[in-house]
Each structure stands twice: as C-alpha cells, then as structure tokens.
C-alpha cells in the first residue's frame, strides 16, 4: 500500500509492522498494521486510491515487469519485486 500511495506522491508511514509477534501480550487490535498518511490534505485522495485498489477484481493471469522482468498478477499496479509501475496495454 505504501508503494501505491507513493506512486501517487502521497507520503505515508507504516506502523505496527512487526507487532504481530507480541500477540498474547498485547490485544490483537493493537497488532494490526496501520498505514498513516503524513499530510492531512492527502487523506481523501489516499482513501480513494485504497478503495479503488480494494475493488480491483481478482485476476489469475500474469504480467511481467518491464523494469526487472519479475512475474506479477495482472491486477497489480506496481511490481512486487522492484515497485515499478505495471502499465498494461489492453
């Protein structure tokens, strides 16, 4: 999600990335990873990007990254390996 927001020039931070190791000692609701948008002015646009991403249908076909050649699911917008954009010509 951070890369997706970053490609839209939205600064964001990830919190609780490693908190799952504390489960049992802390409530599970405190161990959820959280993405925080740095600038309040980017919040609505960031939420719209996340909602659009979450509505993307599951795709079983693959696409290869032009930057590193890595195989990615066709519905990915960014390469999981290098973070480059996966522009797909339909």
PDB file of N, CA and C in Angstrom:
ATOM      1  N   UNK A   1       0.819  -1.175   0.000  1.00  0.00           N
ATOM      2  CA  UNK A   1       0.000   0.000   0.000  1.00  0.00           C
ATOM      3  C   UNK A   1       0.875   1.254   0.000  1.00  0.00           C
ATOM      4  N   UNK A   2       2.002   1.192   0.721  1.00  0.00           N
ATOM      5  CA  UNK A   2       2.890   2.348   0.751  1.00  0.00           C
ATOM      6  C   UNK A   2       3.392   2.708  -0.639  1.00  0.00           C
ATOM      7  N   UNK A   3       3.753   1.698  -1.433  1.00  0.00           N
ATOM      8  CA  UNK A   3       4.228   1.971  -2.795  1.00  0.00           C
ATOM      9  C   UNK A   3       3.125   2.572  -3.650  1.00  0.00           C
ATOM     10  N   UNK A   4       1.919   2.078  -3.502  1.00  0.00           N
ATOM     11  CA  UNK A   4       0.784   2.594  -4.268  1.00  0.00           C
ATOM     12  C   UNK A   4       0.552   4.065  -3.934  1.00  0.00           C
ATOM     13  N   UNK A   5       0.562   4.404  -2.669  1.00  0.00           N
ATOM     14  CA  UNK A   5       0.400   5.799  -2.257  1.00  0.00           C
ATOM     15  C   UNK A   5       1.597   6.634  -2.703  1.00  0.00           C
ATOM     16  N   UNK A   6       2.780   6.075  -2.584  1.00  0.00           N
ATOM     17  CA  UNK A   6       3.988   6.786  -3.004  1.00  0.00           C
ATOM     18  C   UNK A   6       3.982   7.119  -4.476  1.00  0.00           C
ATOM     19  N   UNK A   7       3.482   6.210  -5.314  1.00  0.00           N
ATOM     20  CA  UNK A   7       3.386   6.486  -6.748  1.00  0.00           C
ATOM     21  C   UNK A   7       2.423   7.631  -7.032  1.00  0.00           C
ATOM     22  N   UNK A   8       1.498   7.870  -6.123  1.00  0.00           N
ATOM     23  CA  UNK A   8       0.559   8.996  -6.258  1.00  0.00           C
ATOM     24  C   UNK A   8       1.089  10.235  -5.545  1.00  0.00           C
ATOM     25  N   UNK A   9       2.366  10.219  -5.148  1.00  0.00           N
ATOM     26  CA  UNK A   9       3.016  11.333  -4.437  1.00  0.00           C
ATOM     27  C   UNK A   9       2.343  11.642  -3.106  1.00  0.00           C
ATOM     28  N   UNK A  10       1.876  10.601  -2.433  1.00  0.00           N
ATOM     29  CA  UNK A  10       1.272  10.745  -1.110  1.00  0.00           C
ATOM     30  C   UNK A  10       2.229  10.111  -0.104  1.00  0.00           C
ATOM     31  N   UNK A  11       2.782  10.948   0.765  1.00  0.00           N
ATOM     32  CA  UNK A  11       3.696  10.444   1.792  1.00  0.00           C
ATOM     33  C   UNK A  11       2.891   9.702   2.857  1.00  0.00           C
ATOM     34  N   UNK A  12       3.341   8.496   3.202  1.00  0.00           N
ATOM     35  CA  UNK A  12       2.640   7.683   4.201  1.00  0.00           C
ATOM     36  C   UNK A  12       3.668   6.896   5.001  1.00  0.00           C
ATOM     37  N   UNK A  13       3.267   6.444   6.182  1.00  0.00           N
ATOM     38  CA  UNK A  13       4.132   5.657   7.055  1.00  0.00           C
ATOM     39  C   UNK A  13       3.405   4.394   7.498  1.00  0.00           C
ATOM     40  N   UNK A  14       4.163   3.346   7.726  1.00  0.00           N
ATOM     41  CA  UNK A  14       3.620   2.077   8.180  1.00  0.00           C
ATOM     42  C   UNK A  14       3.951   1.897   9.657  1.00  0.00           C
ATOM     43  N   UNK A  15       2.929   1.593  10.455  1.00  0.00           N
ATOM     44  CA  UNK A  15       3.107   1.363  11.882  1.00  0.00           C
ATOM     45  C   UNK A  15       2.669  -0.062  12.226  1.00  0.00           C
ATOM     46  N   UNK A  16       3.206  -0.600  13.288  1.00  0.00           N
ATOM     47  CA  UNK A  16       2.886  -1.938  13.800  1.00  0.00           C
ATOM     48  C   UNK A  16       3.297  -3.043  12.826  1.00  0.00           C
ATOM     49  N   UNK A  17       4.293  -2.778  12.027  1.00  0.00           N
ATOM     50  CA  UNK A  17       4.730  -3.753  11.025  1.00  0.00           C
ATOM     51  C   UNK A  17       5.133  -5.083  11.648  1.00  0.00           C
ATOM     52  N   UNK A  18       5.747  -5.041  12.820  1.00  0.00           N
ATOM     53  CA  UNK A  18       6.229  -6.260  13.462  1.00  0.00           C
ATOM     54  C   UNK A  18       5.500  -6.560  14.769  1.00  0.00           C
ATOM     55  N   UNK A  19       4.368  -5.927  14.989  1.00  0.00           N
ATOM     56  CA  UNK A  19       3.650  -6.064  16.262  1.00  0.00           C
ATOM     57  C   UNK A  19       2.982  -7.422  16.434  1.00  0.00           C
ATOM     58  N   UNK A  20       2.791  -8.169  15.356  1.00  0.00           N
ATOM     59  CA  UNK A  20       2.126  -9.459  15.479  1.00  0.00           C
ATOM     60  C   UNK A  20       2.900 -10.411  16.382  1.00  0.00           C
ATOM     61  N   UNK A  21       4.189 -10.203  16.541  1.00  0.00           N
ATOM     62  CA  UNK A  21       4.995 -11.031  17.434  1.00  0.00           C
ATOM     63  C   UNK A  21       4.611 -10.850  18.898  1.00  0.00           C
ATOM     64  N   UNK A  22       3.913  -9.763  19.209  1.00  0.00           N
ATOM     65  CA  UNK A  22       3.501  -9.507  20.575  1.00  0.00           C
ATOM     66  C   UNK A  22       2.122 -10.019  20.912  1.00  0.00           C
ATOM     67  N   UNK A  23       1.471 -10.698  19.965  1.00  0.00           N
ATOM     68  CA  UNK A  23       0.130 -11.220  20.234  1.00  0.00           C
ATOM     69  C   UNK A  23       0.159 -12.139  21.439  1.00  0.00           C
ATOM     70  N   UNK A  24      -0.813 -11.978  22.284  1.00  0.00           N
ATOM     71  CA  UNK A  24      -0.852 -12.709  23.539  1.00  0.00           C
ATOM     72  C   UNK A  24      -0.449 -11.808  24.686  1.00  0.00           C
ATOM     73  N   UNK A  25       0.527 -10.945  24.417  1.00  0.00           N
ATOM     74  CA  UNK A  25       0.943  -9.967  25.420  1.00  0.00           C
ATOM     75  C   UNK A  25       0.189  -8.654  25.253  1.00  0.00           C
ATOM     76  N   UNK A  26      -0.214  -8.372  24.011  1.00  0.00           N
ATOM     77  CA  UNK A  26      -0.988  -7.158  23.730  1.00  0.00           C
ATOM     78  C   UNK A  26      -2.281  -7.568  23.035  1.00  0.00           C
ATOM     79  N   UNK A  27      -3.332  -6.751  23.121  1.00  0.00           N
ATOM     80  CA  UNK A  27      -4.586  -7.090  22.428  1.00  0.00           C
ATOM     81  C   UNK A  27      -4.357  -7.178  20.912  1.00  0.00           C
ATOM     82  N   UNK A  28      -5.064  -8.093  20.247  1.00  0.00           N
ATOM     83  CA  UNK A  28      -4.864  -8.275  18.805  1.00  0.00           C
ATOM     84  C   UNK A  28      -5.181  -7.010  18.027  1.00  0.00           C
ATOM     85  N   UNK A  29      -6.090  -6.185  18.533  1.00  0.00           N
ATOM     86  CA  UNK A  29      -6.428  -4.938  17.825  1.00  0.00           C
ATOM     87  C   UNK A  29      -5.271  -3.944  17.852  1.00  0.00           C
ATOM     88  N   UNK A  30      -4.304  -4.130  18.739  1.00  0.00           N
ATOM     89  CA  UNK A  30      -3.141  -3.250  18.791  1.00  0.00           C
ATOM     90  C   UNK A  30      -2.016  -3.758  17.898  1.00  0.00           C
ATOM     91  N   UNK A  31      -2.198  -4.928  17.309  1.00  0.00           N
ATOM     92  CA  UNK A  31      -1.164  -5.522  16.474  1.00  0.00           C
ATOM     93  C   UNK A  31      -1.456  -5.376  14.984  1.00  0.00           C
ATOM     94  N   UNK A  32      -2.575  -4.796  14.639  1.00  0.00           N
ATOM     95  CA  UNK A  32      -2.894  -4.607  13.226  1.00  0.00           C
ATOM     96  C   UNK A  32      -1.903  -3.633  12.584  1.00  0.00           C
ATOM     97  N   UNK A  33      -1.367  -3.954  11.405  1.00  0.00           N
ATOM     98  CA  UNK A  33      -0.554  -2.971  10.697  1.00  0.00           C
ATOM     99  C   UNK A  33      -1.428  -1.767  10.327  1.00  0.00           C
ATOM    100  N   UNK A  34      -0.852  -0.586  10.393  1.00  0.00           N
ATOM    101  CA  UNK A  34      -1.579   0.642  10.073  1.00  0.00           C
ATOM    102  C   UNK A  34      -0.776   1.471   9.088  1.00  0.00           C
ATOM    103  N   UNK A  35      -1.453   2.030   8.086  1.00  0.00           N
ATOM    104  CA  UNK A  35      -0.843   2.966   7.152  1.00  0.00           C
ATOM    105  C   UNK A  35      -1.401   4.343   7.476  1.00  0.00           C
ATOM    106  N   UNK A  36      -0.519   5.269   7.773  1.00  0.00           N
ATOM    107  CA  UNK A  36      -0.907   6.633   8.096  1.00  0.00           C
ATOM    108  C   UNK A  36      -0.413   7.565   7.001  1.00  0.00           C
ATOM    109  N   UNK A  37      -1.301   8.422   6.517  1.00  0.00           N
ATOM    110  CA  UNK A  37      -0.945   9.451   5.542  1.00  0.00           C
ATOM    111  C   UNK A  37      -0.313  10.606   6.310  1.00  0.00           C
ATOM    112  N   UNK A  38       0.821  11.109   5.838  1.00  0.00           N
ATOM    113  CA  UNK A  38       1.575  12.137   6.553  1.00  0.00           C
ATOM    114  C   UNK A  38       0.842  13.480   6.542  1.00  0.00           C
ATOM    115  N   UNK A  39       0.374  13.905   5.368  1.00  0.00           N
ATOM    116  CA  UNK A  39      -0.289  15.214   5.247  1.00  0.00           C
ATOM    117  C   UNK A  39      -1.804  15.045   5.252  1.00  0.00           C
ATOM    118  N   UNK A  40      -2.475  15.772   6.141  1.00  0.00           N
ATOM    119  CA  UNK A  40      -3.940  15.716   6.218  1.00  0.00           C
ATOM    120  C   UNK A  40      -4.589  16.028   4.878  1.00  0.00           C
ATOM    121  N   UNK A  41      -3.977  16.900   4.106  1.00  0.00           N
ATOM    122  CA  UNK A  41      -4.552  17.297   2.821  1.00  0.00           C
ATOM    123  C   UNK A  41      -4.567  16.143   1.806  1.00  0.00           C
ATOM    124  N   UNK A  42      -3.784  15.091   2.036  1.00  0.00           N
ATOM    125  CA  UNK A  42      -3.741  13.934   1.132  1.00  0.00           C
ATOM    126  C   UNK A  42      -4.683  12.806   1.552  1.00  0.00           C
ATOM    127  N   UNK A  43      -5.357  12.960   2.697  1.00  0.00           N
ATOM    128  CA  UNK A  43      -6.148  11.869   3.256  1.00  0.00           C
ATOM    129  C   UNK A  43      -7.257  11.400   2.312  1.00  0.00           C
ATOM    130  N   UNK A  44      -8.082  12.310   1.831  1.00  0.00           N
ATOM    131  CA  UNK A  44      -9.206  11.897   0.962  1.00  0.00           C
ATOM    132  C   UNK A  44      -8.713  11.224  -0.307  1.00  0.00           C
ATOM    133  N   UNK A  45      -7.691  11.788  -0.944  1.00  0.00           N
ATOM    134  CA  UNK A  45      -7.160  11.193  -2.171  1.00  0.00           C
ATOM    135  C   UNK A  45      -6.553   9.829  -1.873  1.00  0.00           C
ATOM    136  N   UNK A  46      -5.862   9.691  -0.743  1.00  0.00           N
ATOM    137  CA  UNK A  46      -5.296   8.403  -0.355  1.00  0.00           C
ATOM    138  C   UNK A  46      -6.365   7.365  -0.102  1.00  0.00           C
ATOM    139  N   UNK A  47      -7.445   7.757   0.585  1.00  0.00           N
ATOM    140  CA  UNK A  47      -8.547   6.827   0.830  1.00  0.00           C
ATOM    141  C   UNK A  47      -9.193   6.394  -0.481  1.00  0.00           C
ATOM    142  N   UNK A  48      -9.332   7.309  -1.431  1.00  0.00           N
ATOM    143  CA  UNK A  48      -9.913   6.961  -2.731  1.00  0.00           C
ATOM    144  C   UNK A  48      -9.032   5.954  -3.463  1.00  0.00           C
ATOM    145  N   UNK A  49      -7.723   6.121  -3.372  1.00  0.00           N
ATOM    146  CA  UNK A  49      -6.789   5.191  -4.019  1.00  0.00           C
ATOM    147  C   UNK A  49      -6.906   3.809  -3.388  1.00  0.00           C
ATOM    148  N   UNK A  50      -6.979   3.751  -2.066  1.00  0.00           N
ATOM    149  CA  UNK A  50      -7.103   2.464  -1.365  1.00  0.00           C
ATOM    150  C   UNK A  50      -8.433   1.802  -1.715  1.00  0.00           C
ATOM    151  N   UNK A  51      -9.531   2.566  -1.720  1.00  0.00           N
ATOM    152  CA  UNK A  51     -10.842   1.987  -2.073  1.00  0.00           C
ATOM    153  C   UNK A  51     -10.837   1.435  -3.495  1.00  0.00           C
ATOM    154  N   UNK A  52     -10.256   2.172  -4.432  1.00  0.00           N
ATOM    155  CA  UNK A  52     -10.187   1.698  -5.822  1.00  0.00           C
ATOM    156  C   UNK A  52      -9.359   0.423  -5.909  1.00  0.00           C
ATOM    157  N   UNK A  53      -8.260   0.365  -5.174  1.00  0.00           N
ATOM    158  CA  UNK A  53      -7.419  -0.833  -5.162  1.00  0.00           C
ATOM    159  C   UNK A  53      -8.177  -2.031  -4.599  1.00  0.00           C
ATOM    160  N   UNK A  54      -8.916  -1.806  -3.518  1.00  0.00           N
ATOM    161  CA  UNK A  54      -9.653  -2.898  -2.882  1.00  0.00           C
ATOM    162  C   UNK A  54     -10.792  -3.413  -3.751  1.00  0.00           C
ATOM    163  N   UNK A  55     -11.296  -2.605  -4.665  1.00  0.00           N
ATOM    164  CA  UNK A  55     -12.382  -3.028  -5.554  1.00  0.00           C
ATOM    165  C   UNK A  55     -11.871  -3.730  -6.809  1.00  0.00           C
ATOM    166  N   UNK A  56     -10.560  -3.740  -6.999  1.00  0.00           N
ATOM    167  CA  UNK A  56      -9.988  -4.370  -8.180  1.00  0.00           C
ATOM    168  C   UNK A  56     -10.291  -5.865  -8.154  1.00  0.00           C
ATOM    169  N   UNK A  57     -10.906  -6.399  -9.210  1.00  0.00           N
ATOM    170  CA  UNK A  57     -11.236  -7.832  -9.212  1.00  0.00           C
ATOM    171  C   UNK A  57      -9.981  -8.708  -9.235  1.00  0.00           C
ATOM    172  N   UNK A  58     -10.112  -9.905  -8.705  1.00  0.00           N
ATOM    173  CA  UNK A  58      -9.012 -10.865  -8.692  1.00  0.00           C
ATOM    174  C   UNK A  58      -8.765 -11.341 -10.116  1.00  0.00           C
ATOM    175  N   UNK A  59      -7.508 -11.378 -10.490  1.00  0.00           N
ATOM    176  CA  UNK A  59      -7.102 -11.746 -11.846  1.00  0.00           C
ATOM    177  C   UNK A  59      -6.094 -12.881 -11.753  1.00  0.00           C
ATOM    178  N   UNK A  60      -6.303 -13.945 -12.514  1.00  0.00           N
ATOM    179  CA  UNK A  60      -5.404 -15.097 -12.468  1.00  0.00           C
ATOM    180  C   UNK A  60      -4.268 -15.030 -13.481  1.00  0.00           C
ATOM    181  N   UNK A  61      -4.383 -14.186 -14.484  1.00  0.00           N
ATOM    182  CA  UNK A  61      -3.312 -14.077 -15.484  1.00  0.00           C
ATOM    183  C   UNK A  61      -2.138 -13.285 -14.900  1.00  0.00           C
ATOM    184  N   UNK A  62      -1.000 -13.313 -15.561  1.00  0.00           N
ATOM    185  CA  UNK A  62       0.190 -12.632 -15.063  1.00  0.00           C
ATOM    186  C   UNK A  62       0.686 -11.611 -16.084  1.00  0.00           C
ATOM    187  N   UNK A  63       1.507 -10.695 -15.594  1.00  0.00           N
ATOM    188  CA  UNK A  63       2.188  -9.716 -16.435  1.00  0.00           C
ATOM    189  C   UNK A  63       3.629  -9.648 -15.930  1.00  0.00           C
ATOM    190  N   UNK A  64       4.561  -9.391 -16.829  1.00  0.00           N
ATOM    191  CA  UNK A  64       5.967  -9.304 -16.457  1.00  0.00           C
ATOM    192  C   UNK A  64       6.387  -7.846 -16.380  1.00  0.00           C
ATOM    193  N   UNK A  65       7.108  -7.508 -15.325  1.00  0.00           N
ATOM    194  CA  UNK A  65       7.580  -6.143 -15.106  1.00  0.00           C
ATOM    195  C   UNK A  65       8.592  -5.776 -16.186  1.00  0.00           C
ATOM    196  N   UNK A  66       8.408  -4.616 -16.790  1.00  0.00           N
ATOM    197  CA  UNK A  66       9.351  -4.159 -17.818  1.00  0.00           C
ATOM    198  C   UNK A  66      10.679  -3.731 -17.214  1.00  0.00           C
ATOM    199  N   UNK A  67      10.681  -3.361 -15.937  1.00  0.00           N
ATOM    200  CA  UNK A  67      11.912  -2.894 -15.296  1.00  0.00           C
ATOM    201  C   UNK A  67      12.807  -4.048 -14.844  1.00  0.00           C
ATOM    202  N   UNK A  68      12.219  -5.073 -14.188  1.00  0.00           N
ATOM    203  CA  UNK A  68      13.056  -6.147 -13.636  1.00  0.00           C
ATOM    204  C   UNK A  68      12.718  -7.527 -14.193  1.00  0.00           C
ATOM    205  N   UNK A  69      11.628  -7.643 -14.955  1.00  0.00           N
ATOM    206  CA  UNK A  69      11.261  -8.925 -15.555  1.00  0.00           C
ATOM    207  C   UNK A  69      10.505  -9.867 -14.642  1.00  0.00           C
ATOM    208  N   UNK A  70      10.198  -9.426 -13.418  1.00  0.00           N
ATOM    209  CA  UNK A  70       9.518 -10.289 -12.452  1.00  0.00           C
ATOM    210  C   UNK A  70       8.061 -10.527 -12.849  1.00  0.00           C
ATOM    211  N   UNK A  71       7.579 -11.737 -12.591  1.00  0.00           N
ATOM    212  CA  UNK A  71       6.178 -12.092 -12.854  1.00  0.00           C
ATOM    213  C   UNK A  71       5.292 -11.527 -11.747  1.00  0.00           C
ATOM    214  N   UNK A  72       4.188 -10.880 -12.140  1.00  0.00           N
ATOM    215  CA  UNK A  72       3.238 -10.286 -11.209  1.00  0.00           C
ATOM    216  C   UNK A  72       1.826 -10.651 -11.625  1.00  0.00           C
ATOM    217  N   UNK A  73       0.894 -10.758 -10.680  1.00  0.00           N
ATOM    218  CA  UNK A  73      -0.507 -10.924 -11.061  1.00  0.00           C
ATOM    219  C   UNK A  73      -0.940  -9.738 -11.931  1.00  0.00           C
ATOM    220  N   UNK A  74      -1.780  -9.997 -12.902  1.00  0.00           N
ATOM    221  CA  UNK A  74      -2.162  -8.973 -13.872  1.00  0.00           C
ATOM    222  C   UNK A  74      -2.864  -7.784 -13.224  1.00  0.00           C
ATOM    223  N   UNK A  75      -3.522  -7.981 -12.085  1.00  0.00           N
ATOM    224  CA  UNK A  75      -4.235  -6.861 -11.465  1.00  0.00           C
ATOM    225  C   UNK A  75      -3.336  -5.998 -10.581  1.00  0.00           C
ATOM    226  N   UNK A  76      -2.053  -6.347 -10.432  1.00  0.00           N
ATOM    227  CA  UNK A  76      -1.139  -5.490  -9.678  1.00  0.00           C
ATOM    228  C   UNK A  76      -0.869  -4.229 -10.484  1.00  0.00           C
ATOM    229  N   UNK A  77      -0.777  -3.118  -9.800  1.00  0.00           N
ATOM    230  CA  UNK A  77      -0.433  -1.853 -10.452  1.00  0.00           C
ATOM    231  C   UNK A  77       1.051  -1.567 -10.330  1.00  0.00           C
ATOM    232  N   UNK A  78       1.696  -2.157  -9.314  1.00  0.00           N
ATOM    233  CA  UNK A  78       3.125  -1.986  -9.079  1.00  0.00           C
ATOM    234  C   UNK A  78       3.776  -3.345  -8.933  1.00  0.00           C
ATOM    235  N   UNK A  79       4.988  -3.461  -9.424  1.00  0.00           N
ATOM    236  CA  UNK A  79       5.738  -4.711  -9.311  1.00  0.00           C
ATOM    237  C   UNK A  79       6.038  -4.997  -7.848  1.00  0.00           C
ATOM    238  N   UNK A  80       5.759  -6.216  -7.419  1.00  0.00           N
ATOM    239  CA  UNK A  80       6.010  -6.575  -6.026  1.00  0.00           C
ATOM    240  C   UNK A  80       7.506  -6.632  -5.733  1.00  0.00           C
ATOM    241  N   UNK A  81       8.323  -6.873  -6.744  1.00  0.00           N
ATOM    242  CA  UNK A  81       9.767  -7.023  -6.561  1.00  0.00           C
ATOM    243  C   UNK A  81      10.491  -5.676  -6.505  1.00  0.00           C
ATOM    244  N   UNK A  82      10.218  -4.803  -7.486  1.00  0.00           N
ATOM    245  CA  UNK A  82      11.005  -3.555  -7.578  1.00  0.00           C
ATOM    246  C   UNK A  82      10.171  -2.295  -7.384  1.00  0.00           C
ATOM    247  N   UNK A  83       8.816  -2.424  -7.366  1.00  0.00           N
ATOM    248  CA  UNK A  83       7.970  -1.257  -7.153  1.00  0.00           C
ATOM    249  C   UNK A  83       7.693  -0.433  -8.393  1.00  0.00           C
ATOM    250  N   UNK A  84       8.178  -0.868  -9.554  1.00  0.00           N
ATOM    251  CA  UNK A  84       7.916  -0.123 -10.789  1.00  0.00           C
ATOM    252  C   UNK A  84       6.458  -0.251 -11.201  1.00  0.00           C
ATOM    253  N   UNK A  85       5.955   0.728 -11.922  1.00  0.00           N
ATOM    254  CA  UNK A  85       4.576   0.690 -12.412  1.00  0.00           C
ATOM    255  C   UNK A  85       4.407  -0.411 -13.457  1.00  0.00           C
ATOM    256  N   UNK A  86       3.270  -1.069 -13.416  1.00  0.00           N
ATOM    257  CA  UNK A  86       2.975  -2.149 -14.365  1.00  0.00           C
ATOM    258  C   UNK A  86       1.921  -1.676 -15.341  1.00  0.00           C
ATOM    259  N   UNK A  87       2.304  -0.822 -16.262  1.00  0.00           N
ATOM    260  CA  UNK A  87       1.370  -0.340 -17.266  1.00  0.00           C
ATOM    261  C   UNK A  87       1.073  -1.486 -18.230  1.00  0.00           C
ATOM    262  N   UNK A  88      -0.194  -1.809 -18.362  1.00  0.00           N
ATOM    263  CA  UNK A  88      -0.601  -2.946 -19.193  1.00  0.00           C
ATOM    264  C   UNK A  88      -1.358  -2.422 -20.408  1.00  0.00           C
ATOM    265  N   UNK A  89      -0.921  -2.811 -21.584  1.00  0.00           N
ATOM    266  CA  UNK A  89      -1.624  -2.435 -22.815  1.00  0.00           C
ATOM    267  C   UNK A  89      -2.710  -3.462 -23.087  1.00  0.00           C
ATOM    268  N   UNK A  90      -3.952  -3.022 -23.129  1.00  0.00           N
ATOM    269  CA  UNK A  90      -5.064  -3.944 -23.351  1.00  0.00           C
ATOM    270  C   UNK A  90      -5.405  -4.026 -24.815  1.00  0.00           C
TER     271      UNK A  90
END
